[in-house]
Amino acid sequence: MYGDQAMAEDQNLNSAAAQIERAQADKCLRPSIAGFFDEATNTVSYVVHDPKTDEAAIIDSVLDFEAASGRTSNGSADRIIEYITSNNLKVKWLIETHAHADHISAAPYLQERLGGKLAIGRDIIRVQEVFGKLFNAGTDFERDGSQFDKLFEDGETFKVGELEGIALHVPGHTPADMAFIIGDAAFVGDTIFMPDFGTARADFPGGDAHQLYRSIRRLLSLPDETRLFLCHDYKAPGRDEYAWETTVKQQREENVHVKDGVSEDDFVEMRTTRDKTLAMPNLIMPSVQVNIRGGRLPDPEDNGVSYIKIPVNAV
């Protein structure tokens, strides 16, 4: 467990907890949040805004992609645009919690139409290096995070209007995973799912079940009533409705993989065994190639067409 001593020494976590407590004490410091669920990829995108200034962040957007035809479309992103424009919001951030392996980001499409800075965690550089080699991306593909406008460090603060924000590095699912906390709401990406479904896999390149456990316990050291907003839901057996909001307290009491009392060794054994049974995400090949480029397709070839590579017998 992420113990009292570790928490006492974790100044960035303490800063996040203090921010959450301020927001819990003053409703003016809490964001307005709208979730947009994409059933095709089981992904939740969020528009988070400051009701006072109408400044907004878009988190984990989705570009529709039909793998059989290789065609993209913008229905999911256009729903967000409609919401932004109808509420007269001003987009300041387009945030990715990590380089997703199950859907393509719509951030460039949204940025072109709405503005804002595209941001991700600094360790995207590590992910670019690993997958740049796997896909033989060549020297034209920069592995320095320059495809993004902002690379967040652990503990770095930011603003959405007058709302306080802080980024926490939570690796394990991938090396680059970040949780972005705005006011009293934490957007935790793929670290954790609803309590009845458990936790994210840790078997992608650079993933680590030990790291994932420690990252989750770090998040679950935040104040009990911290609102956690998840990137995915798959409806656990026996549950008929999709859900993507929970709390630290609920996760600590009920999460089937990592509730209080589950040791790191037990979690790692469970996670490693379970991951061996999981198939790769349907869209992993196109998603990773595009998302390490900040949501941009690979450069067109001499015929003007972009191509997605599939490495044969390499994964």
Protein backbone atom coordinates (compact mmCIF):
# COMPACT_ATOMS: atom_id res chain seq x y z
CA MET A 1 0.00 0.00 0.00
CA TYR A 2 1.06 3.57 -0.59
CA GLY A 3 1.81 4.17 3.10
CA ASP A 4 1.72 7.21 5.35
CA GLN A 5 5.48 7.70 5.13
CA ALA A 6 5.46 7.57 1.34
CA MET A 7 2.61 10.05 1.21
CA ALA A 8 4.35 12.37 3.65
CA GLU A 9 7.40 12.42 1.39
CA ASP A 10 5.39 12.85 -1.82
CA GLN A 11 5.10 16.61 -2.08
CA ASN A 12 3.38 16.51 -5.46
CA LEU A 13 0.68 14.20 -4.11
CA ASN A 14 0.29 16.48 -1.08
CA SER A 15 -0.14 19.46 -3.40
CA ALA A 16 -2.83 17.58 -5.32
CA ALA A 17 -4.62 16.66 -2.10
CA ALA A 18 -4.52 20.28 -0.91
CA GLN A 19 -5.96 21.46 -4.23
CA ILE A 20 -8.80 18.93 -3.96
CA GLU A 21 -9.57 20.00 -0.40
CA ARG A 22 -9.76 23.64 -1.46
CA ALA A 23 -12.19 22.74 -4.21
CA GLN A 24 -14.29 20.61 -1.90
CA ALA A 25 -14.55 23.55 0.49
CA ASP A 26 -15.48 26.08 -2.23
CA LYS A 27 -17.83 25.05 -5.04
CA CYS A 28 -16.51 27.91 -7.19
CA LEU A 29 -13.27 25.92 -7.51
CA ARG A 30 -15.02 22.83 -8.91
CA PRO A 31 -15.30 22.20 -12.66
CA SER A 32 -18.35 21.50 -14.76
CA ILE A 33 -17.85 18.13 -16.48
CA ALA A 34 -19.54 16.54 -19.48
CA GLY A 35 -18.74 12.97 -20.51
CA PHE A 36 -19.06 11.67 -24.08
CA PHE A 37 -19.14 7.88 -24.35
CA ASP A 38 -18.00 6.16 -27.54
CA GLU A 39 -19.45 2.65 -27.43
CA ALA A 40 -17.38 1.43 -30.39
CA THR A 41 -14.19 1.79 -28.33
CA ASN A 42 -15.72 1.92 -24.82
CA THR A 43 -13.97 5.25 -24.36
CA VAL A 44 -15.15 8.27 -22.39
CA SER A 45 -14.01 11.73 -23.52
CA TYR A 46 -14.54 14.73 -21.28
CA VAL A 47 -15.13 18.44 -21.62
CA VAL A 48 -14.10 20.10 -18.36
CA HIS A 49 -14.78 23.79 -17.93
CA ASP A 50 -14.69 26.64 -15.47
CA PRO A 51 -18.28 27.98 -15.14
CA LYS A 52 -16.94 31.42 -14.24
CA THR A 53 -14.70 32.02 -17.25
CA ASP A 54 -16.03 29.37 -19.69
CA GLU A 55 -12.47 28.19 -20.36
CA ALA A 56 -12.33 24.46 -21.08
CA ALA A 57 -10.15 21.39 -21.48
CA ILE A 58 -10.97 18.40 -23.69
CA ILE A 59 -9.60 15.12 -22.34
CA ASP A 60 -9.04 11.90 -24.35
CA SER A 61 -10.99 12.65 -27.52
CA VAL A 62 -11.87 9.97 -30.10
CA LEU A 63 -11.50 9.95 -33.89
CA ASP A 64 -13.82 7.38 -35.45
CA PHE A 65 -11.91 4.76 -37.44
CA GLU A 66 -13.22 1.83 -39.47
CA ALA A 67 -10.40 -0.69 -39.56
CA ALA A 68 -11.79 -2.75 -42.46
CA SER A 69 -11.84 0.20 -44.85
CA GLY A 70 -9.14 2.35 -43.26
CA ARG A 71 -11.53 5.31 -43.20
CA THR A 72 -11.77 7.95 -40.51
CA SER A 73 -14.77 10.07 -39.61
CA ASN A 74 -15.54 12.76 -37.07
CA GLY A 75 -18.90 11.96 -35.53
CA SER A 76 -17.57 11.56 -31.98
CA ALA A 77 -15.45 14.69 -32.20
CA ASP A 78 -18.29 16.69 -33.75
CA ARG A 79 -20.46 15.94 -30.72
CA ILE A 80 -17.81 17.64 -28.61
CA ILE A 81 -17.59 20.59 -30.99
CA GLU A 82 -21.35 21.02 -30.82
CA TYR A 83 -21.24 21.02 -27.02
CA ILE A 84 -18.36 23.50 -26.94
CA THR A 85 -19.96 25.91 -29.37
CA SER A 86 -23.48 25.70 -27.95
CA ASN A 87 -22.12 26.55 -24.50
CA ASN A 88 -19.78 29.27 -25.80
CA LEU A 89 -16.74 27.60 -24.24
CA LYS A 90 -13.14 28.54 -25.00
CA VAL A 91 -10.81 25.57 -25.35
CA LYS A 92 -7.43 26.07 -23.69
CA TRP A 93 -6.22 22.46 -23.44
CA LEU A 94 -6.53 19.23 -25.42
CA ILE A 95 -5.20 16.66 -22.98
CA GLU A 96 -4.21 13.04 -23.54
CA THR A 97 -3.80 10.90 -20.42
CA HIS A 98 -1.47 8.62 -22.44
CA ALA A 99 -0.88 7.31 -25.97
CA HIS A 100 -3.98 5.16 -26.29
CA ALA A 101 -3.87 1.68 -27.83
CA ASP A 102 -7.61 1.27 -28.33
CA HIS A 103 -8.70 4.42 -30.14
CA ILE A 104 -7.25 7.22 -32.25
CA SER A 105 -7.14 10.71 -30.80
CA ALA A 106 -9.17 13.45 -32.49
CA ALA A 107 -7.02 16.18 -30.91
CA PRO A 108 -5.62 17.64 -34.17
CA TYR A 109 -9.11 17.84 -35.70
CA LEU A 110 -10.45 19.54 -32.58
CA GLN A 111 -7.45 21.84 -32.28
CA GLU A 112 -7.87 23.04 -35.85
CA ARG A 113 -11.47 24.01 -35.16
CA LEU A 114 -11.38 25.06 -31.52
CA GLY A 115 -7.78 25.99 -30.68
CA GLY A 116 -6.05 25.03 -27.44
CA LYS A 117 -2.70 23.44 -26.56
CA LEU A 118 -2.19 19.70 -27.08
CA ALA A 119 -0.67 18.15 -23.95
CA ILE A 120 0.54 14.77 -22.66
CA GLY A 121 3.03 13.48 -20.10
CA ARG A 122 6.75 13.90 -20.73
CA ASP A 123 7.38 10.15 -20.83
CA ILE A 124 5.63 10.00 -24.20
CA ILE A 125 9.23 10.25 -25.40
CA ARG A 126 9.87 6.74 -24.04
CA VAL A 127 6.77 5.42 -25.78
CA GLN A 128 7.79 7.07 -29.05
CA GLU A 129 11.19 5.41 -28.85
CA VAL A 130 9.74 1.92 -28.29
CA PHE A 131 7.04 2.11 -30.96
CA GLY A 132 9.16 4.11 -33.37
CA LYS A 133 11.43 1.06 -33.52
CA LEU A 134 8.56 -1.45 -33.71
CA PHE A 135 6.99 0.36 -36.67
CA ASN A 136 10.36 1.20 -38.26
CA ALA A 137 9.28 4.83 -38.39
CA GLY A 138 12.65 6.04 -39.61
CA THR A 139 14.62 9.18 -38.86
CA ASP A 140 11.85 11.51 -40.04
CA PHE A 141 9.79 10.57 -36.99
CA GLU A 142 10.96 12.76 -34.11
CA ARG A 143 11.15 10.95 -30.79
CA ASP A 144 11.25 14.05 -28.61
CA GLY A 145 7.59 14.79 -27.94
CA SER A 146 7.68 17.74 -30.34
CA GLN A 147 4.34 16.64 -31.85
CA PHE A 148 2.73 18.02 -28.68
CA ASP A 149 2.55 21.61 -27.45
CA LYS A 150 3.12 20.72 -23.81
CA LEU A 151 4.79 17.80 -22.01
CA PHE A 152 3.71 17.66 -18.38
CA GLU A 153 6.03 16.69 -15.55
CA ASP A 154 4.87 15.04 -12.34
CA GLY A 155 3.49 17.72 -10.02
CA GLU A 156 3.31 20.43 -12.67
CA THR A 157 0.40 22.81 -12.25
CA PHE A 158 -1.83 24.45 -14.85
CA LYS A 159 -5.06 26.42 -15.07
CA VAL A 160 -8.43 25.98 -16.73
CA GLY A 161 -9.81 29.48 -16.37
CA GLU A 162 -9.55 30.13 -12.65
CA LEU A 163 -9.63 26.43 -11.76
CA GLU A 164 -6.48 24.84 -10.40
CA GLY A 165 -5.00 21.84 -12.17
CA ILE A 166 -2.12 19.50 -11.37
CA ALA A 167 -0.62 16.54 -13.26
CA LEU A 168 0.50 13.34 -11.54
CA HIS A 169 2.63 10.70 -13.24
CA VAL A 170 0.96 7.29 -12.81
CA PRO A 171 2.91 4.79 -14.95
CA GLY A 172 2.27 1.06 -15.16
CA HIS A 173 -0.31 0.67 -17.90
CA THR A 174 2.22 2.51 -20.07
CA PRO A 175 5.29 4.54 -19.05
CA ALA A 176 3.60 7.82 -19.98
CA ASP A 177 0.28 7.61 -18.11
CA MET A 178 -0.74 10.78 -16.29
CA ALA A 179 -3.67 11.66 -14.06
CA PHE A 180 -4.88 15.22 -14.55
CA ILE A 181 -6.63 16.71 -11.53
CA ILE A 182 -8.79 19.78 -12.11
CA GLY A 183 -10.39 21.20 -8.99
CA ASP A 184 -11.68 18.18 -7.07
CA ALA A 185 -11.93 15.90 -10.13
CA ALA A 186 -9.21 13.46 -11.19
CA PHE A 187 -9.10 12.18 -14.77
CA VAL A 188 -7.14 8.98 -14.33
CA GLY A 189 -6.94 7.52 -17.84
CA ASP A 190 -6.44 3.75 -17.97
CA THR A 191 -4.97 3.21 -14.52
CA ILE A 192 -8.20 1.99 -12.97
CA PHE A 193 -11.76 1.09 -13.98
CA MET A 194 -15.06 0.99 -12.12
CA PRO A 195 -14.75 -0.92 -8.83
CA ASP A 196 -16.65 -3.93 -10.18
CA PHE A 197 -14.34 -4.21 -13.21
CA GLY A 198 -10.94 -3.63 -11.61
CA THR A 199 -7.80 -2.27 -13.21
CA ALA A 200 -6.00 -1.76 -16.51
CA ARG A 201 -3.67 -4.24 -18.14
CA ALA A 202 0.10 -3.82 -17.74
CA ASP A 203 1.51 -5.98 -20.53
CA PHE A 204 2.06 -3.39 -23.26
CA PRO A 205 5.69 -2.47 -24.06
CA GLY A 206 6.98 -0.48 -21.10
CA GLY A 207 4.07 -1.54 -18.89
CA ASP A 208 4.77 -2.85 -15.40
CA ALA A 209 2.30 -4.35 -12.93
CA HIS A 210 4.39 -3.32 -9.93
CA GLN A 211 4.40 0.28 -11.14
CA LEU A 212 0.68 0.13 -11.86
CA TYR A 213 -0.09 -1.01 -8.31
CA ARG A 214 1.99 1.80 -6.82
CA SER A 215 0.43 4.38 -9.14
CA ILE A 216 -3.07 3.26 -8.20
CA ARG A 217 -2.27 3.31 -4.49
CA ARG A 218 -0.85 6.79 -4.97
CA LEU A 219 -4.12 7.95 -6.51
CA LEU A 220 -6.10 6.22 -3.78
CA SER A 221 -4.15 8.22 -1.19
CA LEU A 222 -6.02 11.34 -2.32
CA PRO A 223 -8.97 12.54 -0.18
CA ASP A 224 -11.81 10.03 0.06
CA GLU A 225 -14.36 12.17 -1.77
CA THR A 226 -12.10 12.93 -4.73
CA ARG A 227 -14.14 12.32 -7.87
CA LEU A 228 -12.46 9.90 -10.25
CA PHE A 229 -13.36 10.03 -13.95
CA LEU A 230 -12.35 6.97 -15.95
CA CYS A 231 -11.32 6.63 -19.57
CA HIS A 232 -13.18 3.38 -20.24
CA ASP A 233 -16.04 1.19 -19.12
CA TYR A 234 -16.97 -2.30 -20.27
CA LYS A 235 -19.99 -3.06 -18.04
CA ALA A 236 -18.88 -5.65 -15.50
CA PRO A 237 -20.94 -8.88 -15.39
CA GLY A 238 -24.27 -8.17 -13.72
CA ARG A 239 -24.24 -4.44 -14.49
CA ASP A 240 -26.50 -3.25 -17.32
CA GLU A 241 -25.44 0.40 -17.60
CA TYR A 242 -22.16 2.01 -18.57
CA ALA A 243 -20.56 4.06 -15.79
CA TRP A 244 -17.39 6.12 -15.54
CA GLU A 245 -17.47 8.17 -12.35
CA THR A 246 -16.49 6.91 -8.92
CA THR A 247 -14.61 8.14 -5.82
CA VAL A 248 -11.40 7.32 -4.03
CA LYS A 249 -13.41 5.96 -1.09
CA GLN A 250 -15.46 3.66 -3.28
CA GLN A 251 -12.37 2.32 -5.03
CA ARG A 252 -10.56 1.68 -1.75
CA GLU A 253 -13.53 -0.22 -0.37
CA GLU A 254 -14.79 -2.09 -3.42
CA ASN A 255 -12.30 -2.41 -6.30
CA VAL A 256 -12.15 -6.11 -7.14
CA HIS A 257 -8.44 -5.96 -8.00
CA VAL A 258 -6.88 -3.38 -5.74
CA LYS A 259 -9.10 -2.45 -2.78
CA ASP A 260 -7.55 -1.86 0.63
CA GLY A 261 -5.85 -4.99 1.92
CA VAL A 262 -4.67 -6.30 -1.46
CA SER A 263 -0.88 -6.58 -1.37
CA GLU A 264 1.41 -5.58 -4.21
CA ASP A 265 2.55 -9.19 -4.70
CA ASP A 266 -1.02 -10.46 -4.86
CA PHE A 267 -1.98 -7.73 -7.32
CA VAL A 268 1.01 -8.41 -9.57
CA GLU A 269 0.28 -12.14 -9.62
CA MET A 270 -3.38 -11.50 -10.50
CA ARG A 271 -2.58 -8.85 -13.10
CA THR A 272 0.17 -10.88 -14.79
CA THR A 273 -1.99 -14.01 -14.95
CA ARG A 274 -4.99 -12.11 -16.25
CA ASP A 275 -3.02 -10.16 -18.86
CA LYS A 276 -1.81 -13.42 -20.43
CA THR A 277 -5.43 -14.24 -21.30
CA LEU A 278 -6.24 -10.91 -22.96
CA ALA A 279 -6.22 -10.35 -26.71
CA MET A 280 -4.63 -7.22 -28.10
CA PRO A 281 -7.03 -4.29 -28.58
CA ASN A 282 -8.66 -4.34 -32.02
CA LEU A 283 -7.26 -0.94 -32.99
CA ILE A 284 -3.83 -1.16 -31.38
CA MET A 285 -1.85 -0.96 -34.64
CA PRO A 286 -3.46 2.17 -36.08
CA SER A 287 -4.01 3.77 -32.67
CA VAL A 288 -0.44 3.64 -31.44
CA GLN A 289 1.07 4.73 -34.75
CA VAL A 290 -1.19 7.77 -34.88
CA ASN A 291 -1.25 8.67 -31.19
CA ILE A 292 2.52 8.77 -30.76
CA ARG A 293 2.35 11.45 -33.47
CA GLY A 294 -0.08 13.53 -31.42
CA GLY A 295 -3.10 12.12 -33.26
CA ARG A 296 -1.72 12.84 -36.72
CA LEU A 297 -1.64 10.25 -39.48
CA PRO A 298 1.75 9.12 -40.80
CA ASP A 299 3.07 11.42 -43.52
CA PRO A 300 1.53 10.70 -46.92
CA GLU A 301 3.68 8.75 -49.36
CA ASP A 302 4.44 9.92 -52.91
CA ASN A 303 0.90 9.05 -54.03
CA GLY A 304 -0.59 11.35 -51.38
CA VAL A 305 -1.96 8.51 -49.24
CA SER A 306 -1.13 7.82 -45.58
CA TYR A 307 -0.49 4.19 -44.62
CA ILE A 308 -0.76 2.28 -41.36
CA LYS A 309 1.86 -0.45 -40.94
CA ILE A 310 1.20 -3.84 -39.38
CA PRO A 311 4.39 -5.61 -38.24
CA VAL A 312 4.10 -9.33 -39.00
CA ASN A 313 5.13 -11.81 -36.29
CA ALA A 314 6.75 -8.99 -34.30
CA VAL A 315 4.36 -8.50 -31.37
